[in-house]
N, C-alpha and C. Protein backbone atom coordinates (compact mmCIF):
# COMPACT_ATOMS: atom_id res chain seq x y z
N MET A 1 15.88 13.96 0.28
CA MET A 1 15.61 15.41 1.46
C MET A 1 16.54 16.29 0.09
N GLU A 2 15.45 17.56 0.19
CA GLU A 2 16.41 18.43 -0.72
C GLU A 2 17.28 19.10 -0.19
N GLN A 3 18.02 19.73 -1.15
CA GLN A 3 19.58 19.97 -1.16
C GLN A 3 19.49 21.25 0.37
N ALA A 4 19.05 22.18 0.10
CA ALA A 4 18.33 23.05 1.44
C ALA A 4 18.12 22.52 2.52
N LEU A 5 17.74 21.85 2.62
CA LEU A 5 16.76 21.39 4.00
C LEU A 5 18.24 20.36 4.84
N LYS A 6 18.85 19.68 3.90
CA LYS A 6 19.65 18.95 4.29
C LYS A 6 21.02 19.79 4.81
N GLU A 7 21.21 20.45 4.08
CA GLU A 7 22.88 22.16 4.47
C GLU A 7 22.00 22.27 5.84
N LYS A 8 20.65 22.73 5.72
CA LYS A 8 20.21 23.67 7.02
C LYS A 8 20.34 22.73 8.40
N LEU A 9 20.23 21.28 8.10
CA LEU A 9 20.14 20.32 8.98
C LEU A 9 21.58 20.20 9.32
N GLU A 10 22.47 19.92 8.66
CA GLU A 10 23.97 19.96 9.31
C GLU A 10 24.37 20.94 9.69
N LYS A 11 24.33 21.94 9.13
CA LYS A 11 24.33 23.49 10.01
C LYS A 11 24.09 23.32 11.69
N ILE A 12 22.52 23.18 11.53
CA ILE A 12 22.39 22.95 13.38
C ILE A 12 22.88 21.86 13.99
N VAL A 13 22.86 20.77 13.70
CA VAL A 13 23.69 19.67 13.97
C VAL A 13 25.52 20.17 14.30
N GLU A 14 25.89 21.01 13.78
CA GLU A 14 27.40 21.24 13.67
C GLU A 14 27.46 22.19 14.95
N LEU A 15 26.43 22.94 15.11
CA LEU A 15 26.14 24.30 16.02
C LEU A 15 25.73 23.88 17.30
N VAL A 16 24.71 22.75 16.95
CA VAL A 16 24.15 22.13 18.88
C VAL A 16 25.67 21.47 19.56
N ASN A 17 26.58 20.63 18.79
CA ASN A 17 27.70 20.22 19.09
C ASN A 17 28.34 21.08 19.47
N ASN A 18 28.57 22.04 18.91
CA ASN A 18 30.01 23.26 19.52
C ASN A 18 29.10 23.71 20.30
N ALA A 19 27.73 23.79 20.75
CA ALA A 19 27.19 24.77 21.94
C ALA A 19 27.11 23.86 23.42
N MET A 20 26.84 22.16 22.89
CA MET A 20 26.69 21.34 24.16
C MET A 20 27.71 21.31 24.12
N VAL A 21 28.48 21.55 25.02
CA VAL A 21 29.99 20.33 25.60
C VAL A 21 29.94 20.16 27.27
N ASP A 22 28.51 20.13 27.88
CA ASP A 22 28.11 19.22 28.77
C ASP A 22 28.29 17.98 28.64
N PRO A 23 29.70 17.41 30.10
CA PRO A 23 29.84 15.79 30.02
C PRO A 23 28.59 15.12 30.08
N ASP A 24 27.79 15.82 31.18
CA ASP A 24 26.60 15.13 31.71
C ASP A 24 25.45 14.61 30.48
N ILE A 25 25.47 15.53 29.59
CA ILE A 25 24.31 15.32 28.50
C ILE A 25 25.00 14.51 27.38
N ASP A 26 24.09 13.55 26.96
CA ASP A 26 24.53 12.53 25.80
C ASP A 26 23.19 13.10 24.56
N LEU A 27 23.77 13.43 23.69
CA LEU A 27 23.25 13.36 22.51
C LEU A 27 22.98 12.73 21.27
N ASP A 28 21.89 12.24 20.87
CA ASP A 28 21.61 10.77 19.76
C ASP A 28 20.69 11.67 18.95
N TYR A 29 21.27 11.84 17.64
CA TYR A 29 20.33 12.38 16.23
C TYR A 29 19.80 11.14 15.57
N CYS A 30 18.84 11.57 15.11
CA CYS A 30 18.12 10.88 14.07
C CYS A 30 17.67 11.88 13.15
N ILE A 31 18.49 12.45 12.34
CA ILE A 31 18.16 12.80 10.90
C ILE A 31 19.21 12.30 9.76
N PRO A 32 17.77 11.41 9.09
CA PRO A 32 18.39 11.09 8.27
C PRO A 32 19.27 11.86 7.41
N GLU A 33 19.88 10.78 6.28
CA GLU A 33 21.00 11.57 5.27
C GLU A 33 21.92 12.76 5.93
N VAL A 34 21.83 12.80 7.52
CA VAL A 34 22.74 14.47 7.73
C VAL A 34 23.43 13.68 8.78
N ALA A 35 22.58 12.89 10.45
CA ALA A 35 23.66 12.80 11.20
C ALA A 35 22.57 11.64 12.18
N THR A 36 23.05 10.09 12.07
CA THR A 36 22.17 9.75 12.66
C THR A 36 22.97 8.21 13.30
N THR A 37 22.72 8.85 14.75
CA THR A 37 23.55 8.19 16.05
C THR A 37 22.90 7.61 16.57
N SER A 38 21.42 7.92 16.89
CA SER A 38 20.24 7.02 17.67
C SER A 38 20.46 5.39 17.00
N GLU A 39 20.48 4.70 18.05
CA GLU A 39 20.24 3.25 17.44
C GLU A 39 18.81 2.62 17.36
N SER A 40 17.92 3.24 17.73
CA SER A 40 16.89 3.28 17.51
C SER A 40 15.91 4.35 16.54
N CYS A 41 16.56 4.25 15.35
CA CYS A 41 16.43 5.99 14.64
C CYS A 41 14.91 5.45 13.75
N ASP A 42 13.93 6.23 13.42
CA ASP A 42 12.76 5.94 12.54
C ASP A 42 13.02 7.09 11.49
N VAL A 43 13.30 6.44 10.91
CA VAL A 43 14.17 6.98 9.58
C VAL A 43 12.92 7.76 8.44
N THR A 44 11.65 7.96 8.86
CA THR A 44 10.49 7.91 8.14
C THR A 44 9.70 9.02 8.79
N GLY A 45 10.13 9.10 9.93
CA GLY A 45 9.29 10.14 10.63
C GLY A 45 10.12 11.38 10.35
N VAL A 46 9.66 12.56 11.24
CA VAL A 46 9.82 13.99 11.52
C VAL A 46 11.68 13.22 12.42
N PRO A 47 12.33 14.59 11.40
CA PRO A 47 14.05 14.09 12.59
C PRO A 47 13.88 14.56 14.03
N TYR A 48 14.87 14.08 14.17
CA TYR A 48 14.78 14.65 15.95
C TYR A 48 16.65 14.34 16.80
N ILE A 49 15.87 15.19 17.96
CA ILE A 49 17.56 14.62 18.96
C ILE A 49 16.99 14.07 20.22
N THR A 50 17.69 13.27 20.49
CA THR A 50 17.25 12.68 21.72
C THR A 50 18.16 13.00 22.80
N VAL A 51 17.80 13.84 23.92
CA VAL A 51 18.91 14.39 24.92
C VAL A 51 18.52 13.34 26.01
N LYS A 52 19.59 12.80 26.15
CA LYS A 52 20.07 11.70 27.65
C LYS A 52 20.57 12.84 28.79
N TYR A 53 20.41 12.28 30.09
CA TYR A 53 21.07 13.24 30.94
C TYR A 53 21.96 11.96 31.69
N SER A 54 23.00 11.85 31.38
CA SER A 54 24.10 10.70 31.83
C SER A 54 24.26 10.34 33.23
N GLU A 55 23.37 11.25 34.20
CA GLU A 55 23.37 11.37 35.73
C GLU A 55 21.90 10.08 35.94
N ASN A 56 21.18 10.32 34.88
CA ASN A 56 19.98 9.29 34.88
C ASN A 56 19.71 8.53 33.39
N LYS A 57 20.44 7.74 32.98
CA LYS A 57 20.08 7.07 31.71
C LYS A 57 18.52 6.60 31.49
N TYR A 58 17.58 6.47 32.22
CA TYR A 58 16.36 6.35 32.10
C TYR A 58 15.68 7.57 31.72
N VAL A 59 16.45 8.55 32.18
CA VAL A 59 15.38 9.90 31.55
C VAL A 59 15.75 10.39 30.30
N GLU A 60 15.21 10.68 29.39
CA GLU A 60 15.33 11.29 28.35
C GLU A 60 14.31 12.18 27.68
N ARG A 61 14.42 12.97 26.74
CA ARG A 61 13.72 14.44 25.89
C ARG A 61 14.17 14.18 24.17
N LYS A 62 13.00 14.07 23.62
CA LYS A 62 12.87 13.93 22.28
C LYS A 62 12.39 15.42 21.49
N ILE A 63 13.44 15.45 21.09
CA ILE A 63 13.24 17.27 20.50
C ILE A 63 13.23 16.83 19.04
N ARG A 64 11.84 17.36 18.93
CA ARG A 64 11.58 16.87 17.35
C ARG A 64 11.86 18.11 16.29
N LEU A 65 12.22 18.09 14.97
CA LEU A 65 12.54 19.10 14.06
C LEU A 65 11.18 19.60 13.30
N THR A 66 9.93 19.59 13.66
CA THR A 66 8.92 19.75 12.52
C THR A 66 9.12 20.98 12.13
N ASP A 67 8.45 21.22 10.86
CA ASP A 67 8.67 22.27 10.05
C ASP A 67 8.39 23.26 10.86
N THR A 68 7.77 23.50 11.49
CA THR A 68 7.66 24.69 12.51
C THR A 68 9.13 25.18 13.03
N TYR A 69 9.97 24.63 13.35
CA TYR A 69 11.06 24.43 14.14
C TYR A 69 12.20 25.01 12.46
N LEU A 70 11.44 23.93 11.43
CA LEU A 70 12.68 24.66 10.32
C LEU A 70 12.37 25.77 9.78
N LYS A 71 11.23 26.70 10.15
CA LYS A 71 11.43 27.72 9.39
C LYS A 71 12.41 28.83 9.79
N ASN A 72 12.83 28.69 10.90
CA ASN A 72 13.79 29.45 11.32
C ASN A 72 15.19 29.32 10.86
N THR A 73 16.22 30.46 11.26
CA THR A 73 17.57 29.66 10.63
C THR A 73 17.72 29.20 11.57
N PRO A 74 18.85 27.93 11.16
CA PRO A 74 19.64 27.22 11.94
C PRO A 74 20.43 28.01 12.96
N GLU A 75 21.38 29.21 12.88
CA GLU A 75 21.20 29.78 14.69
C GLU A 75 20.44 29.95 15.27
N GLU A 76 19.03 30.20 15.15
CA GLU A 76 17.90 30.34 15.79
C GLU A 76 17.85 28.97 16.44
N ILE A 77 17.28 27.71 15.51
CA ILE A 77 16.99 26.28 15.69
C ILE A 77 17.86 25.72 16.67
N ALA A 78 19.20 26.10 16.12
CA ALA A 78 20.37 25.50 17.78
C ALA A 78 19.81 26.50 19.21
N ASN A 79 20.11 27.86 18.78
CA ASN A 79 19.66 28.31 20.22
C ASN A 79 17.94 27.62 21.02
N LEU A 80 17.09 27.72 20.24
CA LEU A 80 16.07 26.86 20.95
C LEU A 80 16.27 25.28 21.09
N ILE A 81 17.09 24.69 20.55
CA ILE A 81 17.61 23.20 20.91
C ILE A 81 18.32 23.60 22.06
N THR A 82 19.66 24.39 22.49
CA THR A 82 20.18 24.07 23.02
C THR A 82 19.41 24.82 24.41
N PHE A 83 18.52 25.73 24.33
CA PHE A 83 17.40 25.96 25.33
C PHE A 83 16.69 24.86 26.01
N SER A 84 16.29 24.20 25.07
CA SER A 84 15.34 23.00 25.54
C SER A 84 16.64 22.00 26.44
N ILE A 85 17.20 22.16 25.66
CA ILE A 85 18.32 21.04 26.48
C ILE A 85 18.36 21.09 28.04
N GLU A 86 18.85 23.10 28.31
CA GLU A 86 19.20 23.03 29.39
C GLU A 86 18.22 22.94 30.29
N GLN A 87 17.17 23.43 29.83
CA GLN A 87 15.83 23.16 30.49
C GLN A 87 15.46 21.78 31.30
N PHE A 88 15.60 21.20 30.12
CA PHE A 88 15.60 19.73 30.62
C PHE A 88 16.87 19.09 31.58
N LYS A 89 17.78 19.49 31.58
CA LYS A 89 18.73 19.38 32.63
C LYS A 89 18.76 19.92 34.04
N LEU A 90 18.27 21.41 33.82
CA LEU A 90 17.46 22.56 34.89
C LEU A 90 16.24 21.08 35.90
N GLU A 91 15.20 20.76 35.30
CA GLU A 91 13.70 19.82 35.55
C GLU A 91 14.83 18.76 36.23
N ILE A 92 15.46 17.60 35.52
CA ILE A 92 15.86 16.65 36.42
C ILE A 92 16.93 16.94 37.26
N ASP A 93 17.46 17.94 37.63
CA ASP A 93 18.36 18.11 38.56
C ASP A 93 17.47 18.88 39.55
N GLY A 94 16.25 19.71 39.79
CA GLY A 94 15.41 20.01 40.74
C GLY A 94 14.58 18.56 40.94
N THR A 95 14.36 17.68 40.06
CA THR A 95 14.29 16.19 40.67
C THR A 95 14.76 15.67 41.53
N GLN A 96 15.69 15.53 41.36
CA GLN A 96 16.92 14.70 42.13
C GLN A 96 16.99 15.60 43.13
N LEU A 97 17.25 16.93 43.16
CA LEU A 97 17.21 17.23 44.96
C LEU A 97 16.08 17.74 45.21
N GLY A 98 14.78 16.65 44.90
CA GLY A 98 13.74 17.00 45.69
C GLY A 98 12.80 18.06 45.57
N GLY A 99 13.28 18.86 44.21
CA GLY A 99 12.49 20.08 43.90
C GLY A 99 11.19 20.21 43.97
């Protein structure tokens, strides 16, 4: 992995960790050479973040950090990831409430 990309991914992980202080959300990272907390990380594929809503361990979403995503700044990417996580949580809450 080239150094600039590695530094960008490290910054994204840092920003997302700082932004996501929700105790109901678990994040697993599968970003080789940067952050690998996922037990089933596919190190050969596109880096991704798995979002799990702790209210329902069976519901999760993978946010893939594709080349299109990575054209943005780390701050923009972290904002997109955070927004996606919030949308995911709203969807789950809506389903649980019969929405």
